[in-house]
Protein backbone atom coordinates (compact mmCIF):
# COMPACT_ATOMS: atom_id res chain seq x y z
CA ILE A 1 0.47 -199.18 131.63
CA GLY A 2 -0.34 -199.71 127.96
CA PHE A 3 -0.29 -196.15 126.58
CA PHE A 4 2.05 -194.28 124.26
CA VAL A 5 2.42 -190.66 123.11
CA TRP A 6 2.58 -189.67 119.43
CA ARG A 7 3.01 -186.00 118.45
CA GLY A 8 1.75 -184.77 121.79
CA THR A 9 -1.35 -186.98 121.87
CA GLU A 10 -1.66 -190.00 124.14
CA TYR A 11 -3.02 -193.25 122.68
CA LYS A 12 -3.90 -196.61 124.17
CA GLY A 13 -1.68 -199.21 122.56
CA ALA A 14 -2.49 -202.73 121.47
CA HIS A 15 0.35 -204.11 123.63
CA PRO A 16 -0.52 -205.51 127.08
CA PRO A 17 0.33 -203.30 130.09
CA LEU A 18 3.57 -204.17 131.88
CA VAL A 19 2.32 -202.89 135.25
CA ASP A 20 -1.07 -201.94 136.69
CA HIS A 21 -2.07 -198.28 137.06
CA ASN A 22 -1.70 -198.16 140.86
CA THR A 23 1.85 -199.54 140.72
CA PHE A 24 2.75 -197.05 137.99
CA GLN A 25 1.40 -194.15 140.05
CA ARG A 26 3.28 -195.23 143.20
CA VAL A 27 6.54 -195.30 141.20
CA GLN A 28 5.84 -191.82 139.85
CA ASP A 29 5.23 -190.62 143.41
CA VAL A 30 8.59 -192.04 144.46
CA PHE A 31 10.33 -190.34 141.51
CA SER A 32 8.77 -187.02 142.47
CA GLY A 33 9.52 -187.48 146.17
CA ARG A 34 5.88 -187.82 147.26
CA ASN A 35 4.38 -190.36 149.66
CA VAL A 36 7.59 -192.27 150.33
CA ASN A 37 7.20 -194.72 153.20
CA LYS A 38 10.28 -194.79 155.37
CA CYS A 39 10.14 -197.94 157.44
CA LYS A 40 12.73 -198.87 159.99
CA PRO A 41 13.15 -202.57 160.71
CA HIS A 42 12.81 -203.81 164.27
CA LYS A 43 15.94 -204.92 166.05
CA HIS A 44 15.27 -208.19 167.78
CA GLY A 45 18.43 -208.57 169.87
CA PHE A 46 16.23 -208.07 172.94
CA PRO A 47 12.69 -209.45 172.88
CA PHE A 48 10.97 -206.30 174.16
CA SER A 49 13.13 -203.63 172.47
CA GLY A 50 11.26 -200.92 170.59
CA LEU A 51 8.05 -201.53 172.51
CA MET A 52 8.41 -198.95 175.28
CA MET A 53 9.04 -195.22 175.71
CA CYS A 54 9.99 -193.24 178.78
CA VAL A 55 7.01 -191.47 180.33
CA HIS A 56 9.27 -188.61 181.52
CA CYS A 57 11.08 -187.63 178.31
CA GLY A 58 9.54 -189.69 175.51
CA CYS A 59 12.82 -191.40 174.62
CA THR A 60 12.96 -195.05 173.62
CA ILE A 61 13.53 -197.63 176.32
CA THR A 62 16.75 -199.43 175.46
CA ALA A 63 18.12 -202.74 176.68
CA GLU A 64 21.53 -203.95 177.74
CA ARG A 65 22.92 -207.29 178.85
CA HIS A 66 24.91 -207.68 182.05
CA LYS A 67 27.27 -210.57 182.72
CA GLY A 68 26.32 -212.09 179.39
CA LYS A 69 22.88 -213.30 180.50
CA TYR A 70 20.90 -210.70 182.50
CA ASP A 71 18.78 -208.26 180.48
CA TYR A 72 17.95 -204.80 181.82
CA TYR A 73 15.69 -202.15 180.30
CA ARG A 74 16.17 -198.42 180.89
CA CYS A 75 15.58 -195.02 179.29
CA SER A 76 18.08 -194.22 176.54
CA PHE A 77 18.42 -190.68 178.05
CA GLY A 78 18.41 -189.15 174.59
CA ARG A 79 17.28 -185.80 176.03
CA GLY A 80 19.54 -185.84 179.05
CA TRP A 81 19.97 -187.97 182.12
CA HIS A 82 17.21 -188.24 184.70
CA LYS A 83 16.26 -190.65 187.43
CA PHE A 84 14.91 -193.91 186.05
CA THR A 85 14.59 -197.32 187.65
CA TYR A 86 16.24 -200.13 185.70
CA MET A 87 13.83 -202.98 184.90
CA THR A 88 14.97 -206.57 184.66
CA GLY A 89 13.95 -208.59 181.64
CA LYS A 90 11.83 -210.85 183.83
CA TYR A 91 10.05 -207.87 185.40
CA VAL A 92 9.23 -206.47 181.95
CA SER A 93 8.06 -209.86 180.71
CA ASP A 94 5.75 -210.34 183.70
CA ALA A 95 4.40 -206.78 183.50
CA LEU A 96 3.62 -207.13 179.79
CA ALA A 97 1.66 -210.31 180.51
CA ASN A 98 -0.99 -208.06 182.04
CA VAL A 99 -0.99 -205.96 178.87
CA VAL A 100 -2.13 -208.89 176.70
CA LYS A 101 -4.52 -210.00 179.41
CA GLY A 102 -6.32 -206.67 178.99
CA ILE A 103 -7.67 -207.59 175.53
CA GLN A 104 -9.35 -210.85 176.47
CA ILE A 105 -12.90 -211.19 175.13
CA PRO A 106 -15.68 -213.24 176.71
CA GLN A 107 -16.33 -216.40 174.69
CA ALA A 108 -20.04 -215.61 174.43
CA VAL A 109 -19.26 -212.32 172.68
CA VAL A 110 -16.91 -213.59 169.93
CA GLN A 111 -19.51 -215.33 167.73
CA GLN A 112 -22.00 -212.51 168.28
CA ILE A 113 -19.57 -209.94 166.87
CA VAL A 114 -18.54 -212.19 163.96
CA ASP A 115 -22.20 -212.67 162.97
CA SER A 116 -22.75 -208.91 163.00
CA ILE A 117 -19.66 -208.33 160.85
CA ARG A 118 -20.88 -210.95 158.38
CA THR A 119 -24.19 -209.09 158.01
CA ASP A 120 -22.44 -205.72 157.56
CA TYR A 121 -20.03 -207.19 155.01
CA ALA A 122 -22.90 -208.48 152.86
CA GLY A 123 -24.24 -204.93 152.62
CA THR A 124 -20.79 -203.55 151.81
CA GLU A 125 -20.31 -206.13 149.04
CA GLN A 126 -23.62 -205.14 147.44
CA LYS A 127 -22.53 -201.47 147.42
CA ARG A 128 -19.22 -202.48 145.81
CA LEU A 129 -21.00 -204.29 142.99
CA GLU A 130 -23.24 -201.28 142.39
CA GLN A 131 -20.21 -198.98 142.23
CA VAL A 132 -18.48 -201.31 139.74
CA SER A 133 -21.59 -201.20 137.54
CA ARG A 134 -21.63 -197.38 137.61
CA LEU A 135 -17.93 -197.18 136.70
CA ASN A 136 -18.42 -199.57 133.77
CA GLN A 137 -21.32 -197.47 132.49
CA ARG A 138 -19.24 -194.28 132.68
CA LEU A 139 -16.31 -195.99 130.94
CA SER A 140 -18.53 -197.29 128.16
CA ALA A 141 -20.06 -193.84 127.58
CA LEU A 142 -16.61 -192.21 127.56
CA ARG A 143 -15.25 -194.66 124.98
CA THR A 144 -18.31 -194.10 122.79
CA ARG A 145 -17.62 -190.34 122.93
CA MET A 146 -13.96 -190.92 122.04
CA ARG A 147 -14.84 -193.07 119.03
CA LYS A 148 -17.39 -190.52 117.81
CA SER A 149 -14.88 -187.67 118.21
CA TYR A 150 -12.30 -189.62 116.18
CA GLN A 151 -14.85 -190.18 113.43
CA ASP A 152 -15.72 -186.46 113.46
CA LYS A 153 -12.02 -185.65 113.04
CA LEU A 154 -11.73 -187.98 110.06
CA GLU A 155 -14.78 -186.37 108.49
CA GLY A 156 -13.41 -182.88 109.08
CA LYS A 157 -16.14 -181.84 111.51
CA ILE A 158 -13.52 -180.90 114.12
CA ASP A 159 -9.88 -179.85 113.65
CA GLU A 160 -6.81 -181.78 114.77
CA GLU A 161 -5.94 -179.43 117.65
CA PHE A 162 -9.41 -179.57 119.17
CA TRP A 163 -9.46 -183.37 118.89
CA SER A 164 -5.95 -183.75 120.37
CA VAL A 165 -6.64 -181.56 123.44
CA ASN A 166 -9.90 -183.31 124.23
CA MET A 167 -8.48 -186.76 123.57
CA ASN A 168 -5.69 -186.24 126.14
CA GLU A 169 -8.29 -185.24 128.74
CA TRP A 170 -10.45 -188.25 127.87
CA ARG A 171 -7.47 -190.63 128.07
CA GLU A 172 -6.70 -189.39 131.57
CA GLU A 173 -10.34 -189.86 132.58
CA GLU A 174 -10.26 -193.33 131.03
CA ARG A 175 -7.18 -194.24 133.07
CA GLN A 176 -8.81 -193.04 136.27
CA LEU A 177 -11.94 -195.09 135.60
CA GLU A 178 -9.86 -198.16 134.75
CA ALA A 179 -7.84 -197.70 137.96
CA GLY A 180 -11.07 -197.45 139.94
CA LEU A 181 -12.37 -200.64 138.35
CA GLU A 182 -9.06 -202.37 138.95
CA THR A 183 -9.34 -201.54 142.64
CA MET A 184 -13.01 -202.39 143.03
CA SER A 185 -13.63 -205.21 140.55
CA GLU A 186 -12.62 -207.94 142.99
CA PRO A 187 -13.54 -208.33 146.65
CA SER A 188 -10.80 -207.69 149.18
CA GLY A 189 -8.18 -210.44 149.17
CA ASP A 190 -8.81 -211.14 152.82
CA ASP A 191 -12.26 -212.24 153.93
CA PRO A 192 -13.12 -209.59 156.56
CA VAL A 193 -15.25 -212.07 158.47
CA LEU A 194 -12.40 -214.57 158.74
CA SER A 195 -9.91 -211.79 159.51
CA ALA A 196 -12.17 -210.45 162.26
CA GLN A 197 -12.67 -213.91 163.70
CA LYS A 198 -8.90 -214.50 163.78
CA ILE A 199 -8.29 -211.18 165.53
CA LEU A 200 -11.04 -211.82 168.06
CA GLU A 201 -9.69 -215.30 168.76
CA LEU A 202 -6.19 -213.89 169.10
CA ALA A 203 -7.46 -211.34 171.60
CA GLN A 204 -9.30 -214.06 173.48
CA ASN A 205 -6.26 -216.36 173.64
CA ALA A 206 -3.41 -213.81 173.72
CA HIS A 207 -2.69 -214.22 177.42
CA SER A 208 -2.45 -218.01 177.30
CA ILE A 209 -0.26 -217.80 174.16
CA TYR A 210 1.96 -215.32 175.98
CA VAL A 211 2.28 -217.49 179.09
CA VAL A 212 3.42 -220.62 177.22
CA GLY A 213 5.72 -218.80 174.76
CA ASN A 214 9.39 -217.90 175.15
CA ASP A 215 10.52 -214.28 175.34
CA ALA A 216 11.13 -214.01 171.58
CA GLU A 217 7.62 -215.30 170.84
CA ARG A 218 6.19 -212.98 173.48
CA GLY A 219 7.89 -210.01 171.84
CA GLU A 220 6.40 -210.89 168.45
CA LEU A 221 2.93 -211.25 169.97
CA LEU A 222 3.25 -207.85 171.65
CA ARG A 223 4.27 -206.20 168.38
CA THR A 224 1.11 -207.59 166.83
CA VAL A 225 -1.23 -206.03 169.39
CA LEU A 226 0.70 -202.93 170.55
CA LEU A 227 1.78 -199.62 169.10
CA ASN A 228 3.99 -198.97 172.11
CA CYS A 229 3.97 -198.65 175.89
CA VAL A 230 5.08 -195.86 178.20
CA THR A 231 6.86 -196.62 181.44
CA ASP A 232 8.46 -194.88 184.39
CA GLY A 233 10.51 -197.94 185.25
CA VAL A 234 7.85 -199.22 187.64
CA SER A 235 4.51 -199.37 185.82
CA ILE A 236 3.85 -199.97 182.12
CA SER A 237 0.89 -198.39 180.30
CA PRO A 238 -0.01 -199.81 176.87
CA HIS A 239 -1.17 -198.13 173.66
CA TYR A 240 -2.85 -200.86 171.59
CA ARG A 241 -3.12 -201.12 167.85
CA LYS A 242 -6.56 -200.90 166.31
CA PRO A 243 -8.79 -202.83 166.63
CA PHE A 244 -7.23 -204.17 169.85
CA GLU A 245 -7.60 -200.66 171.30
CA ILE A 246 -11.37 -200.93 170.83
CA ILE A 247 -11.40 -204.41 172.33
CA PHE A 248 -9.50 -203.16 175.38
CA GLN A 249 -11.79 -200.16 175.86
CA ARG A 250 -14.92 -202.28 175.57
CA GLY A 251 -13.49 -204.81 177.98
CA GLN A 252 -12.67 -202.10 180.52
CA ASN A 253 -16.14 -200.59 180.27
CA GLU A 254 -18.00 -203.87 179.70
CA GLU A 255 -19.62 -202.35 176.59
CA TRP A 256 -19.97 -205.42 174.39
CA ARG A 257 -23.03 -204.18 172.52
CA ARG A 258 -23.61 -205.93 169.23
CA GLY A 259 -24.58 -203.13 166.87
CA ARG A 260 -22.13 -200.43 167.91
CA ASP A 261 -19.10 -202.69 168.17
CA SER A 262 -19.63 -204.49 164.88
CA LYS A 263 -20.13 -201.24 162.91
CA ARG A 264 -17.08 -199.59 164.44
CA TRP A 265 -15.04 -202.73 163.81
CA CYS A 266 -16.02 -202.82 160.13
CA SER A 267 -15.15 -199.13 159.79
CA LEU A 268 -11.68 -199.82 161.16
CA LYS A 269 -11.23 -202.79 158.81
CA ARG A 270 -12.11 -200.64 155.77
CA ARG A 271 -9.62 -197.93 156.72
CA LYS A 272 -6.81 -200.39 157.18
C-alpha cells in the first residue's frame, strides 16, 4: 500500500501502491482468520434445489429423479425420518409461481417510488461531498503537523524516540483517512435510482417472466428474489430477499405510501 518500515518507523514511500488499503486490510483479515466469507456454490442439477426447507425439522428439501425424467422434492430427513409428502417438480414449479406473483407492484406506484428515491439520493450525494471535504481538511492538517514535527527533529527541538513514536501513530491515522477518502471520493458504482428502477420493474414483471421461462430460468429468478421457502410438502411459504420482502409486505397491506417506502428503500440500498 505504498509504505515501508525503517528502524521501527513507518514511512510513506515514493513508489506507487500495489494494492488499495481496503484490499490490503481484507488480506490481513484472512491471514489472521478474521471475517472469512465461506460461500457454498449452488448446485443446479434440479432447478429448485436449495430454495426450500422442511417446516417440521428445518432440513433442506432435496430432489431426486425417478425413471430418468420425473423430478420429486422431499425432506432430506437429516434429523431423522418423519412423514412428508413428496412434491412433483411440476407441483413445486406451479406453487412457486404464486411466490413471484406476490411481489407485483402496481404500475402507478413504480414511477412514484423512483422519483422519491431520486430526491433522497440527491441529499445523500450532498452529504457525501461534505464528508469528503472534511476528510481532506483533516488529512491536510495532519500532514502539516507531520512535516513540522520532522523539521523540529532536524533542529533538535524533539528527540528521535519522541518523533518516531508519534510518527507511527500519525502514519496510521493518515492511512485511515486515505482509506476513508478512497471509499467516499467517488459515488457508488451503481446508480441507486437505476438500480431501484430495475428492481421495481423486476418485481412488477416477475410473474410474467416466470410463466414464459423454463424451469432452469425460473430457478434463477427465484434465487434472485428469495432467501428460501419453508414447506410441509403441501404448501410453500416464502422468505423474500430485501428489498423484495418490503415490496411483498406493502403489497399485502396495500401500504404504498410515497415517503415511508422511499426512505426505507434507500436505507436498505445503503446497507447492502
